[in-house]
């Protein structure tokens, strides 16, 4: 009987209804996320973040360090601006020091001519030229030198081989791997020298040919002109099968000695009107008897064997003197 009895209070029912209505209203406006209702520490960023949801259920994230991020951003922008200004100043300094413009201090680019102009002397290691032309201006000669080395021009073929080359060194100029070689006058275009020609003729205006060594079968001059072979030190005329000189007048002159030598043949001096030797420059040998008087001016020409050196000995008047009457001792020996 007591269990079926339940007390009902009108006041308590009214309070319960109002409390329920207020709770429903708060839940409708703002509800915390069930799983993230508390403030937590983000492990990836190390910053405190509060998560909220709006009335539609969307998450709204508010950073506690938004001001610090803004300061770091503008600091980075200012630093980049300072670096850009410094780089600009450095670039202008390099342009001023190297004098860069259409070129540099010792070179100039000529785009309209597709060329590079060098001023003065330029030290270069390797130069690759696609068209194979290395030239200077018409009124300025070009000189290519190498210190303690050679100047080598290689021709690169399609097969990446460089057999054809031009080598210039202290021994001479060597051309290898070519069918022919031509030297042309840049003004007139005439061929000055060609390996295809059976003989080499000096062009008009060229009077001298300077070379350390010449290998040829024949050297000649026009009929009405002289052929002069001159050397500042020593001149050697050598033939594999002999040397033949034919001229109207052959004149040899040397500061010291003139050597005529044949390895497996003989030396023949033949002239239509005879062979003359200027004895004024031949050494005078001392006789065995130094008391002999040779003031008459008569001398006999003798030949040293096997050296072939010529010398003269005085012949006094009324005496018979042979080449054996010569003092051959020490420094007086004329054959030394």
C-alpha atoms as a PDB file:
ATOM      1  CA  UNK A   1       0.000   0.000   0.000  1.00  0.00           C
ATOM      2  CA  UNK A   2       2.867   2.272   0.859  1.00  0.00           C
ATOM      3  CA  UNK A   3       4.600   1.310  -2.342  1.00  0.00           C
ATOM      4  CA  UNK A   4       1.670   2.390  -4.428  1.00  0.00           C
ATOM      5  CA  UNK A   5       1.606   5.765  -2.780  1.00  0.00           C
ATOM      6  CA  UNK A   6       3.840   8.510  -4.352  1.00  0.00           C
ATOM      7  CA  UNK A   7       3.994  12.109  -3.342  1.00  0.00           C
ATOM      8  CA  UNK A   8       3.771  14.726  -6.056  1.00  0.00           C
ATOM      9  CA  UNK A   9       4.878  18.354  -5.532  1.00  0.00           C
ATOM     10  CA  UNK A  10       3.738  20.991  -8.013  1.00  0.00           C
ATOM     11  CA  UNK A  11       6.748  23.203  -7.267  1.00  0.00           C
ATOM     12  CA  UNK A  12       9.310  20.486  -7.982  1.00  0.00           C
ATOM     13  CA  UNK A  13       7.677  19.672 -11.299  1.00  0.00           C
ATOM     14  CA  UNK A  14       7.892  23.291 -12.434  1.00  0.00           C
ATOM     15  CA  UNK A  15      11.589  23.558 -11.524  1.00  0.00           C
ATOM     16  CA  UNK A  16      12.439  20.352 -13.339  1.00  0.00           C
ATOM     17  CA  UNK A  17      10.760  21.500 -16.519  1.00  0.00           C
ATOM     18  CA  UNK A  18      12.573  24.872 -16.482  1.00  0.00           C
ATOM     19  CA  UNK A  19      15.937  23.220 -15.862  1.00  0.00           C
ATOM     20  CA  UNK A  20      15.480  20.842 -18.767  1.00  0.00           C
ATOM     21  CA  UNK A  21      14.497  23.654 -21.100  1.00  0.00           C
ATOM     22  CA  UNK A  22      17.616  25.671 -20.146  1.00  0.00           C
ATOM     23  CA  UNK A  23      19.942  22.716 -20.694  1.00  0.00           C
ATOM     24  CA  UNK A  24      18.434  22.031 -24.093  1.00  0.00           C
ATOM     25  CA  UNK A  25      18.941  25.679 -25.060  1.00  0.00           C
ATOM     26  CA  UNK A  26      22.631  25.651 -24.056  1.00  0.00           C
ATOM     27  CA  UNK A  27      23.267  22.454 -25.966  1.00  0.00           C
ATOM     28  CA  UNK A  28      21.623  23.963 -29.021  1.00  0.00           C
ATOM     29  CA  UNK A  29      23.879  27.056 -28.948  1.00  0.00           C
ATOM     30  CA  UNK A  30      27.376  25.704 -28.062  1.00  0.00           C
ATOM     31  CA  UNK A  31      28.411  22.166 -27.460  1.00  0.00           C
ATOM     32  CA  UNK A  32      31.948  21.073 -26.676  1.00  0.00           C
ATOM     33  CA  UNK A  33      33.412  18.246 -28.676  1.00  0.00           C
ATOM     34  CA  UNK A  34      32.936  15.100 -26.656  1.00  0.00           C
ATOM     35  CA  UNK A  35      36.321  13.644 -27.318  1.00  0.00           C
ATOM     36  CA  UNK A  36      38.280  16.933 -27.051  1.00  0.00           C
ATOM     37  CA  UNK A  37      36.407  18.831 -24.406  1.00  0.00           C
ATOM     38  CA  UNK A  38      39.567  19.565 -22.470  1.00  0.00           C
ATOM     39  CA  UNK A  39      42.568  21.733 -23.508  1.00  0.00           C
ATOM     40  CA  UNK A  40      45.358  19.486 -24.930  1.00  0.00           C
ATOM     41  CA  UNK A  41      48.994  19.991 -26.066  1.00  0.00           C
ATOM     42  CA  UNK A  42      49.652  19.501 -29.799  1.00  0.00           C
ATOM     43  CA  UNK A  43      52.731  17.264 -29.989  1.00  0.00           C
ATOM     44  CA  UNK A  44      53.621  18.192 -33.567  1.00  0.00           C
ATOM     45  CA  UNK A  45      53.776  21.964 -33.033  1.00  0.00           C
ATOM     46  CA  UNK A  46      54.269  22.192 -29.307  1.00  0.00           C
ATOM     47  CA  UNK A  47      51.610  24.943 -29.048  1.00  0.00           C
ATOM     48  CA  UNK A  48      48.486  25.105 -26.922  1.00  0.00           C
ATOM     49  CA  UNK A  49      45.331  24.892 -29.074  1.00  0.00           C
ATOM     50  CA  UNK A  50      41.651  24.985 -27.995  1.00  0.00           C
ATOM     51  CA  UNK A  51      39.117  23.261 -30.233  1.00  0.00           C
ATOM     52  CA  UNK A  52      35.560  24.609 -30.391  1.00  0.00           C
ATOM     53  CA  UNK A  53      32.499  23.867 -32.509  1.00  0.00           C
ATOM     54  CA  UNK A  54      30.032  26.433 -33.796  1.00  0.00           C
ATOM     55  CA  UNK A  55      26.249  25.956 -33.878  1.00  0.00           C
ATOM     56  CA  UNK A  56      26.517  24.067 -37.158  1.00  0.00           C
ATOM     57  CA  UNK A  57      29.026  21.594 -35.758  1.00  0.00           C
ATOM     58  CA  UNK A  58      32.137  22.937 -37.614  1.00  0.00           C
ATOM     59  CA  UNK A  59      35.479  23.048 -35.768  1.00  0.00           C
ATOM     60  CA  UNK A  60      37.017  26.493 -35.097  1.00  0.00           C
ATOM     61  CA  UNK A  61      40.815  26.505 -34.251  1.00  0.00           C
ATOM     62  CA  UNK A  62      42.292  29.530 -32.554  1.00  0.00           C
ATOM     63  CA  UNK A  63      46.100  29.814 -32.297  1.00  0.00           C
ATOM     64  CA  UNK A  64      47.564  31.275 -29.180  1.00  0.00           C
ATOM     65  CA  UNK A  65      50.712  32.442 -31.003  1.00  0.00           C
ATOM     66  CA  UNK A  66      49.324  34.227 -34.075  1.00  0.00           C
ATOM     67  CA  UNK A  67      51.214  37.364 -33.117  1.00  0.00           C
ATOM     68  CA  UNK A  68      54.538  35.534 -32.951  1.00  0.00           C
ATOM     69  CA  UNK A  69      53.996  34.045 -36.437  1.00  0.00           C
ATOM     70  CA  UNK A  70      53.310  37.463 -37.900  1.00  0.00           C
ATOM     71  CA  UNK A  71      56.503  38.876 -36.377  1.00  0.00           C
ATOM     72  CA  UNK A  72      58.602  35.966 -37.736  1.00  0.00           C
ATOM     73  CA  UNK A  73      57.099  36.412 -41.233  1.00  0.00           C
ATOM     74  CA  UNK A  74      57.920  40.118 -41.465  1.00  0.00           C
ATOM     75  CA  UNK A  75      61.395  39.490 -40.017  1.00  0.00           C
ATOM     76  CA  UNK A  76      62.075  36.970 -42.808  1.00  0.00           C
ATOM     77  CA  UNK A  77      60.777  39.426 -45.438  1.00  0.00           C
ATOM     78  CA  UNK A  78      63.076  42.176 -44.144  1.00  0.00           C
ATOM     79  CA  UNK A  79      66.056  39.794 -44.104  1.00  0.00           C
ATOM     80  CA  UNK A  80      65.432  38.780 -47.734  1.00  0.00           C
ATOM     81  CA  UNK A  81      65.142  42.441 -48.707  1.00  0.00           C
ATOM     82  CA  UNK A  82      68.509  43.224 -47.077  1.00  0.00           C
ATOM     83  CA  UNK A  83      70.137  40.269 -48.878  1.00  0.00           C
ATOM     84  CA  UNK A  84      68.716  41.426 -52.210  1.00  0.00           C
ATOM     85  CA  UNK A  85      70.107  44.943 -51.698  1.00  0.00           C
ATOM     86  CA  UNK A  86      73.536  43.503 -50.770  1.00  0.00           C
ATOM     87  CA  UNK A  87      73.528  41.241 -53.831  1.00  0.00           C
ATOM     88  CA  UNK A  88      72.656  44.212 -56.065  1.00  0.00           C
ATOM     89  CA  UNK A  89      75.520  46.278 -54.640  1.00  0.00           C
ATOM     90  CA  UNK A  90      77.938  43.354 -55.105  1.00  0.00           C
ATOM     91  CA  UNK A  91      76.813  42.914 -58.739  1.00  0.00           C
ATOM     92  CA  UNK A  92      77.388  46.578 -59.558  1.00  0.00           C
ATOM     93  CA  UNK A  93      80.807  46.400 -57.876  1.00  0.00           C
ATOM     94  CA  UNK A  94      81.817  43.429 -60.066  1.00  0.00           C
ATOM     95  CA  UNK A  95      80.593  45.239 -63.179  1.00  0.00           C
ATOM     96  CA  UNK A  96      82.633  48.305 -62.262  1.00  0.00           C
ATOM     97  CA  UNK A  97      85.836  46.391 -61.431  1.00  0.00           C
ATOM     98  CA  UNK A  98      85.784  44.090 -64.484  1.00  0.00           C
ATOM     99  CA  UNK A  99      84.412  46.852 -66.725  1.00  0.00           C
ATOM    100  CA  UNK A 100      81.716  44.608 -68.060  1.00  0.00           C
ATOM    101  CA  UNK A 101      79.483  45.931 -70.796  1.00  0.00           C
ATOM    102  CA  UNK A 102      79.835  44.830 -74.376  1.00  0.00           C
ATOM    103  CA  UNK A 103      82.954  43.019 -73.153  1.00  0.00           C
ATOM    104  CA  UNK A 104      85.672  43.161 -70.502  1.00  0.00           C
ATOM    105  CA  UNK A 105      88.849  45.130 -69.991  1.00  0.00           C
ATOM    106  CA  UNK A 106      90.861  42.988 -72.451  1.00  0.00           C
ATOM    107  CA  UNK A 107      88.093  41.715 -74.717  1.00  0.00           C
ATOM    108  CA  UNK A 108      84.975  42.957 -76.442  1.00  0.00           C
ATOM    109  CA  UNK A 109      82.019  41.069 -77.872  1.00  0.00           C
ATOM    110  CA  UNK A 110      80.897  42.043 -81.372  1.00  0.00           C
ATOM    111  CA  UNK A 111      77.438  40.492 -81.834  1.00  0.00           C
ATOM    112  CA  UNK A 112      76.888  42.047 -85.261  1.00  0.00           C
ATOM    113  CA  UNK A 113      80.071  40.362 -86.551  1.00  0.00           C
ATOM    114  CA  UNK A 114      79.713  37.212 -84.426  1.00  0.00           C
ATOM    115  CA  UNK A 115      83.246  37.752 -83.138  1.00  0.00           C
ATOM    116  CA  UNK A 116      85.307  38.509 -80.038  1.00  0.00           C
ATOM    117  CA  UNK A 117      87.903  41.283 -80.099  1.00  0.00           C
ATOM    118  CA  UNK A 118      90.983  40.938 -77.864  1.00  0.00           C
ATOM    119  CA  UNK A 119      93.022  43.951 -76.803  1.00  0.00           C
ATOM    120  CA  UNK A 120      96.765  43.465 -76.385  1.00  0.00           C
ATOM    121  CA  UNK A 121      98.088  40.057 -75.400  1.00  0.00           C
ATOM    122  CA  UNK A 122      95.799  37.261 -74.251  1.00  0.00           C
ATOM    123  CA  UNK A 123      96.902  34.113 -72.430  1.00  0.00           C
ATOM    124  CA  UNK A 124      94.698  31.231 -73.536  1.00  0.00           C
ATOM    125  CA  UNK A 125      94.894  27.492 -73.010  1.00  0.00           C
ATOM    126  CA  UNK A 126      92.481  25.732 -75.382  1.00  0.00           C
ATOM    127  CA  UNK A 127      90.353  27.432 -78.046  1.00  0.00           C
ATOM    128  CA  UNK A 128      87.505  25.652 -79.839  1.00  0.00           C
ATOM    129  CA  UNK A 129      86.334  27.341 -83.064  1.00  0.00           C
ATOM    130  CA  UNK A 130      83.395  25.818 -84.877  1.00  0.00           C
ATOM    131  CA  UNK A 131      84.092  27.368 -88.296  1.00  0.00           C
ATOM    132  CA  UNK A 132      87.878  26.936 -87.995  1.00  0.00           C
ATOM    133  CA  UNK A 133      88.664  30.624 -88.644  1.00  0.00           C
ATOM    134  CA  UNK A 134      91.128  32.425 -86.380  1.00  0.00           C
ATOM    135  CA  UNK A 135      91.939  35.830 -87.830  1.00  0.00           C
ATOM    136  CA  UNK A 136      92.764  39.417 -86.931  1.00  0.00           C
ATOM    137  CA  UNK A 137      91.778  42.753 -88.371  1.00  0.00           C
ATOM    138  CA  UNK A 138      93.156  43.735 -91.745  1.00  0.00           C
ATOM    139  CA  UNK A 139      95.488  46.455 -90.446  1.00  0.00           C
ATOM    140  CA  UNK A 140      96.654  44.509 -87.373  1.00  0.00           C
ATOM    141  CA  UNK A 141      98.863  41.404 -87.637  1.00  0.00           C
ATOM    142  CA  UNK A 142      98.099  38.435 -85.405  1.00  0.00           C
ATOM    143  CA  UNK A 143     100.834  36.719 -83.424  1.00  0.00           C
ATOM    144  CA  UNK A 144     100.332  33.384 -81.610  1.00  0.00           C
ATOM    145  CA  UNK A 145     103.130  32.353 -79.240  1.00  0.00           C
ATOM    146  CA  UNK A 146     103.699  29.685 -76.633  1.00  0.00           C
ATOM    147  CA  UNK A 147     106.155  29.765 -73.747  1.00  0.00           C
ATOM    148  CA  UNK A 148     108.236  26.588 -73.451  1.00  0.00           C
ATOM    149  CA  UNK A 149     105.779  24.641 -75.570  1.00  0.00           C
ATOM    150  CA  UNK A 150     104.203  24.168 -78.976  1.00  0.00           C
ATOM    151  CA  UNK A 151     101.255  25.760 -80.725  1.00  0.00           C
ATOM    152  CA  UNK A 152      99.017  22.980 -82.061  1.00  0.00           C
ATOM    153  CA  UNK A 153      96.009  23.369 -84.370  1.00  0.00           C
ATOM    154  CA  UNK A 154      93.814  20.256 -84.473  1.00  0.00           C
ATOM    155  CA  UNK A 155      91.015  19.592 -86.958  1.00  0.00           C
ATOM    156  CA  UNK A 156      88.155  17.727 -85.304  1.00  0.00           C
ATOM    157  CA  UNK A 157      86.281  15.521 -87.776  1.00  0.00           C
ATOM    158  CA  UNK A 158      82.835  14.011 -87.507  1.00  0.00           C
ATOM    159  CA  UNK A 159      84.299  10.771 -86.234  1.00  0.00           C
ATOM    160  CA  UNK A 160      85.835  12.666 -83.268  1.00  0.00           C
ATOM    161  CA  UNK A 161      89.333  12.134 -84.592  1.00  0.00           C
ATOM    162  CA  UNK A 162      92.012  14.829 -84.668  1.00  0.00           C
ATOM    163  CA  UNK A 163      94.572  13.354 -87.048  1.00  0.00           C
ATOM    164  CA  UNK A 164      94.953  16.520 -89.119  1.00  0.00           C
ATOM    165  CA  UNK A 165      97.015  19.055 -87.243  1.00  0.00           C
ATOM    166  CA  UNK A 166      99.381  21.973 -87.612  1.00  0.00           C
ATOM    167  CA  UNK A 167     102.267  22.066 -85.121  1.00  0.00           C
ATOM    168  CA  UNK A 168     104.471  25.117 -84.628  1.00  0.00           C
ATOM    169  CA  UNK A 169     107.451  24.792 -82.300  1.00  0.00           C
ATOM    170  CA  UNK A 170     111.123  25.684 -82.089  1.00  0.00           C
ATOM    171  CA  UNK A 171     112.019  22.984 -84.629  1.00  0.00           C
ATOM    172  CA  UNK A 172     109.763  24.329 -87.369  1.00  0.00           C
ATOM    173  CA  UNK A 173     106.240  24.188 -88.765  1.00  0.00           C
ATOM    174  CA  UNK A 174     104.780  20.713 -89.321  1.00  0.00           C
ATOM    175  CA  UNK A 175     101.562  19.918 -91.184  1.00  0.00           C
ATOM    176  CA  UNK A 176     100.233  16.375 -90.917  1.00  0.00           C
ATOM    177  CA  UNK A 177      97.170  14.521 -92.130  1.00  0.00           C
ATOM    178  CA  UNK A 178      96.158  16.902 -94.955  1.00  0.00           C
ATOM    179  CA  UNK A 179      96.076  16.478 -98.719  1.00  0.00           C
ATOM    180  CA  UNK A 180      97.360  19.978 -99.416  1.00  0.00           C
ATOM    181  CA  UNK A 181      98.147  23.258 -97.712  1.00  0.00           C
ATOM    182  CA  UNK A 182      97.755  26.774 -99.093  1.00  0.00           C
ATOM    183  CA  UNK A 183      98.817  30.185 -97.830  1.00  0.00           C
ATOM    184  CA  UNK A 184      96.784  33.034 -99.297  1.00  0.00           C
ATOM    185  CA  UNK A 185      97.130  36.784 -99.300  1.00  0.00           C
ATOM    186  CA  UNK A 186      94.180  38.108 -97.256  1.00  0.00           C
ATOM    187  CA  UNK A 187      93.883  41.241 -99.412  1.00  0.00           C
ATOM    188  CA  UNK A 188      94.108  39.843-102.927  1.00  0.00           C
ATOM    189  CA  UNK A 189      93.271  36.206-102.220  1.00  0.00           C
ATOM    190  CA  UNK A 190      96.227  34.992-104.268  1.00  0.00           C
ATOM    191  CA  UNK A 191      97.954  31.763-103.292  1.00  0.00           C
ATOM    192  CA  UNK A 192     101.366  32.595-101.827  1.00  0.00           C
ATOM    193  CA  UNK A 193     102.379  29.024-101.092  1.00  0.00           C
ATOM    194  CA  UNK A 194     100.827  25.691-101.967  1.00  0.00           C
ATOM    195  CA  UNK A 195     102.036  22.144-101.523  1.00  0.00           C
ATOM    196  CA  UNK A 196     100.261  21.143-104.742  1.00  0.00           C
ATOM    197  CA  UNK A 197     102.533  23.332-106.869  1.00  0.00           C
ATOM    198  CA  UNK A 198     105.517  21.502-108.410  1.00  0.00           C
ATOM    199  CA  UNK A 199     107.739  24.475-107.590  1.00  0.00           C
ATOM    200  CA  UNK A 200     107.565  27.361-105.175  1.00  0.00           C
ATOM    201  CA  UNK A 201     107.874  30.846-106.621  1.00  0.00           C
ATOM    202  CA  UNK A 202     108.236  33.895-104.443  1.00  0.00           C
ATOM    203  CA  UNK A 203     105.481  36.399-105.233  1.00  0.00           C
ATOM    204  CA  UNK A 204     106.176  39.961-106.274  1.00  0.00           C
ATOM    205  CA  UNK A 205     107.467  42.065-103.420  1.00  0.00           C
ATOM    206  CA  UNK A 206     108.907  39.093-101.510  1.00  0.00           C
ATOM    207  CA  UNK A 207     112.690  39.222-101.747  1.00  0.00           C
ATOM    208  CA  UNK A 208     113.773  37.055 -98.820  1.00  0.00           C
ATOM    209  CA  UNK A 209     112.770  33.644 -97.543  1.00  0.00           C
ATOM    210  CA  UNK A 210     113.791  32.991 -93.939  1.00  0.00           C
ATOM    211  CA  UNK A 211     113.826  29.382 -92.719  1.00  0.00           C
ATOM    212  CA  UNK A 212     115.887  27.240 -90.384  1.00  0.00           C
ATOM    213  CA  UNK A 213     115.703  24.159 -92.596  1.00  0.00           C
ATOM    214  CA  UNK A 214     114.563  23.596 -96.190  1.00  0.00           C
ATOM    215  CA  UNK A 215     114.228  20.179 -97.823  1.00  0.00           C
ATOM    216  CA  UNK A 216     113.953  20.497-101.593  1.00  0.00           C
ATOM    217  CA  UNK A 217     115.397  19.066-104.794  1.00  0.00           C
ATOM    218  CA  UNK A 218     116.383  22.321-106.429  1.00  0.00           C
ATOM    219  CA  UNK A 219     116.977  25.974-105.543  1.00  0.00           C
ATOM    220  CA  UNK A 220     117.351  28.466-108.379  1.00  0.00           C
ATOM    221  CA  UNK A 221     117.040  32.150-109.150  1.00  0.00           C
ATOM    222  CA  UNK A 222     116.084  33.997-112.349  1.00  0.00           C
ATOM    223  CA  UNK A 223     118.747  34.205-115.046  1.00  0.00           C
ATOM    224  CA  UNK A 224     119.448  37.899-114.567  1.00  0.00           C
ATOM    225  CA  UNK A 225     119.433  37.845-110.736  1.00  0.00           C
ATOM    226  CA  UNK A 226     121.753  36.484-108.052  1.00  0.00           C
ATOM    227  CA  UNK A 227     120.939  33.701-105.641  1.00  0.00           C
ATOM    228  CA  UNK A 228     122.226  34.538-102.167  1.00  0.00           C
ATOM    229  CA  UNK A 229     122.232  31.974 -99.345  1.00  0.00           C
ATOM    230  CA  UNK A 230     123.173  33.632 -96.070  1.00  0.00           C
ATOM    231  CA  UNK A 231     123.315  32.441 -92.461  1.00  0.00           C
ATOM    232  CA  UNK A 232     124.180  34.330 -89.295  1.00  0.00           C
ATOM    233  CA  UNK A 233     125.902  31.283 -87.772  1.00  0.00           C
ATOM    234  CA  UNK A 234     126.377  28.220 -89.995  1.00  0.00           C
ATOM    235  CA  UNK A 235     124.965  27.165 -93.366  1.00  0.00           C
ATOM    236  CA  UNK A 236     124.900  23.478 -94.361  1.00  0.00           C
ATOM    237  CA  UNK A 237     124.216  22.355 -97.932  1.00  0.00           C
ATOM    238  CA  UNK A 238     123.706  18.598 -97.937  1.00  0.00           C
ATOM    239  CA  UNK A 239     122.494  16.218-100.613  1.00  0.00           C
ATOM    240  CA  UNK A 240     121.633  12.547-100.188  1.00  0.00           C
ATOM    241  CA  UNK A 241     123.135  11.724-103.603  1.00  0.00           C
ATOM    242  CA  UNK A 242     125.434  14.679-103.957  1.00  0.00           C
ATOM    243  CA  UNK A 243     125.217  18.437-104.355  1.00  0.00           C
ATOM    244  CA  UNK A 244     125.632  20.054-107.760  1.00  0.00           C
ATOM    245  CA  UNK A 245     126.067  23.815-108.157  1.00  0.00           C
ATOM    246  CA  UNK A 246     125.980  25.362-111.593  1.00  0.00           C
ATOM    247  CA  UNK A 247     126.316  29.119-112.017  1.00  0.00           C
ATOM    248  CA  UNK A 248     128.160  31.790-113.939  1.00  0.00           C
ATOM    249  CA  UNK A 249     130.101  32.760-110.844  1.00  0.00           C
ATOM    250  CA  UNK A 250     130.081  30.937-107.521  1.00  0.00           C
ATOM    251  CA  UNK A 251     131.282  32.956-104.562  1.00  0.00           C
ATOM    252  CA  UNK A 252     131.740  31.492-101.083  1.00  0.00           C
ATOM    253  CA  UNK A 253     132.544  33.672 -98.097  1.00  0.00           C
ATOM    254  CA  UNK A 254     132.765  32.804 -94.402  1.00  0.00           C
ATOM    255  CA  UNK A 255     134.125  34.403 -91.255  1.00  0.00           C
ATOM    256  CA  UNK A 256     136.043  31.246 -90.331  1.00  0.00           C
ATOM    257  CA  UNK A 257     136.248  28.069 -92.418  1.00  0.00           C
ATOM    258  CA  UNK A 258     134.516  26.627 -95.470  1.00  0.00           C
ATOM    259  CA  UNK A 259     134.206  22.828 -95.466  1.00  0.00           C
ATOM    260  CA  UNK A 260     133.724  20.711 -98.599  1.00  0.00           C
ATOM    261  CA  UNK A 261     133.111  17.092 -97.674  1.00  0.00           C
ATOM    262  CA  UNK A 262     132.093  13.989 -99.588  1.00  0.00           C
ATOM    263  CA  UNK A 263     131.267  10.750 -97.773  1.00  0.00           C
ATOM    264  CA  UNK A 264     131.497   8.195-100.587  1.00  0.00           C
ATOM    265  CA  UNK A 265     132.582  10.215-103.598  1.00  0.00           C
ATOM    266  CA  UNK A 266     134.840  13.099-104.501  1.00  0.00           C
ATOM    267  CA  UNK A 267     134.809  16.879-104.408  1.00  0.00           C
ATOM    268  CA  UNK A 268     135.244  18.466-107.840  1.00  0.00           C
ATOM    269  CA  UNK A 269     135.814  22.179-108.367  1.00  0.00           C
ATOM    270  CA  UNK A 270     135.620  22.962-112.061  1.00  0.00           C
ATOM    271  CA  UNK A 271     135.446  26.327-113.781  1.00  0.00           C
ATOM    272  CA  UNK A 272     135.682  27.383-117.394  1.00  0.00           C
ATOM    273  CA  UNK A 273     138.242  30.047-116.525  1.00  0.00           C
ATOM    274  CA  UNK A 274     139.684  28.253-113.513  1.00  0.00           C
ATOM    275  CA  UNK A 275     139.085  28.148-109.770  1.00  0.00           C
ATOM    276  CA  UNK A 276     140.305  31.061-107.695  1.00  0.00           C
ATOM    277  CA  UNK A 277     140.927  31.145-103.952  1.00  0.00           C
ATOM    278  CA  UNK A 278     141.443  34.416-102.112  1.00  0.00           C
ATOM    279  CA  UNK A 279     144.626  33.595-100.188  1.00  0.00           C
ATOM    280  CA  UNK A 280     144.587  36.812 -98.221  1.00  0.00           C
ATOM    281  CA  UNK A 281     142.467  35.170 -95.545  1.00  0.00           C
ATOM    282  CA  UNK A 282     144.362  31.849 -95.453  1.00  0.00           C
ATOM    283  CA  UNK A 283     146.516  31.277 -92.342  1.00  0.00           C
ATOM    284  CA  UNK A 284     150.318  31.488 -92.723  1.00  0.00           C
ATOM    285  CA  UNK A 285     152.258  28.507 -91.366  1.00  0.00           C
ATOM    286  CA  UNK A 286     155.601  29.058 -89.655  1.00  0.00           C
ATOM    287  CA  UNK A 287     158.604  27.380 -91.342  1.00  0.00           C
ATOM    288  CA  UNK A 288     160.951  25.063 -89.513  1.00  0.00           C
ATOM    289  CA  UNK A 289     163.704  27.689 -89.578  1.00  0.00           C
ATOM    290  CA  UNK A 290     162.310  30.840 -88.045  1.00  0.00           C
ATOM    291  CA  UNK A 291     165.303  32.838 -89.256  1.00  0.00           C
ATOM    292  CA  UNK A 292     164.188  32.534 -92.887  1.00  0.00           C
ATOM    293  CA  UNK A 293     163.273  35.789 -94.541  1.00  0.00           C
ATOM    294  CA  UNK A 294     159.990  35.703 -96.428  1.00  0.00           C
ATOM    295  CA  UNK A 295     159.565  39.349 -97.177  1.00  0.00           C
ATOM    296  CA  UNK A 296     159.297  38.689-100.902  1.00  0.00           C
ATOM    297  CA  UNK A 297     155.536  38.087-100.621  1.00  0.00           C
ATOM    298  CA  UNK A 298     155.616  34.745-102.410  1.00  0.00           C
ATOM    299  CA  UNK A 299     153.585  31.920-100.833  1.00  0.00           C
ATOM    300  CA  UNK A 300     152.663  28.360-101.592  1.00  0.00           C
ATOM    301  CA  UNK A 301     149.204  26.977-100.883  1.00  0.00           C
ATOM    302  CA  UNK A 302     149.112  23.661 -99.012  1.00  0.00           C
ATOM    303  CA  UNK A 303     146.346  21.302 -97.984  1.00  0.00           C
ATOM    304  CA  UNK A 304     146.089  19.429 -94.685  1.00  0.00           C
ATOM    305  CA  UNK A 305     145.247  15.754 -95.018  1.00  0.00           C
ATOM    306  CA  UNK A 306     142.791  14.345 -94.225  1.00  0.00           C
ATOM    307  CA  UNK A 307     141.215  17.534 -92.827  1.00  0.00           C
ATOM    308  CA  UNK A 308     141.407  19.299 -96.201  1.00  0.00           C
ATOM    309  CA  UNK A 309     142.217  22.635 -94.590  1.00  0.00           C
ATOM    310  CA  UNK A 310     144.109  25.177 -96.717  1.00  0.00           C
ATOM    311  CA  UNK A 311     147.054  27.198 -95.465  1.00  0.00           C
ATOM    312  CA  UNK A 312     149.983  29.005 -97.056  1.00  0.00           C
ATOM    313  CA  UNK A 313     153.720  28.944 -96.461  1.00  0.00           C
ATOM    314  CA  UNK A 314     156.268  31.573 -97.403  1.00  0.00           C
ATOM    315  CA  UNK A 315     158.662  30.799-100.260  1.00  0.00           C
ATOM    316  CA  UNK A 316     161.941  32.785-100.027  1.00  0.00           C
ATOM    317  CA  UNK A 317     163.642  33.854-103.216  1.00  0.00           C
ATOM    318  CA  UNK A 318     166.005  31.259-104.657  1.00  0.00           C
ATOM    319  CA  UNK A 319     164.929  28.504-102.237  1.00  0.00           C
ATOM    320  CA  UNK A 320     162.938  25.376-102.779  1.00  0.00           C
ATOM    321  CA  UNK A 321     160.232  25.001-100.157  1.00  0.00           C
ATOM    322  CA  UNK A 322     157.674  22.239 -99.852  1.00  0.00           C
ATOM    323  CA  UNK A 323     154.637  21.873 -97.600  1.00  0.00           C
ATOM    324  CA  UNK A 324     156.647  19.588 -95.323  1.00  0.00           C
ATOM    325  CA  UNK A 325     158.839  22.534 -94.234  1.00  0.00           C
ATOM    326  CA  UNK A 326     156.240  23.597 -91.694  1.00  0.00           C
ATOM    327  CA  UNK A 327     156.447  23.774 -87.936  1.00  0.00           C
ATOM    328  CA  UNK A 328     153.709  21.350 -86.785  1.00  0.00           C
ATOM    329  CA  UNK A 329     154.364  21.621 -83.034  1.00  0.00           C
ATOM    330  CA  UNK A 330     151.798  22.874 -80.535  1.00  0.00           C
ATOM    331  CA  UNK A 331     149.763  25.895 -81.419  1.00  0.00           C
ATOM    332  CA  UNK A 332     151.841  26.493 -84.552  1.00  0.00           C
ATOM    333  CA  UNK A 333     150.223  23.543 -86.313  1.00  0.00           C
ATOM    334  CA  UNK A 334     148.100  25.078 -89.136  1.00  0.00           C
ATOM    335  CA  UNK A 335     145.941  21.974 -89.424  1.00  0.00           C
ATOM    336  CA  UNK A 336     144.448  22.326 -85.935  1.00  0.00           C
END
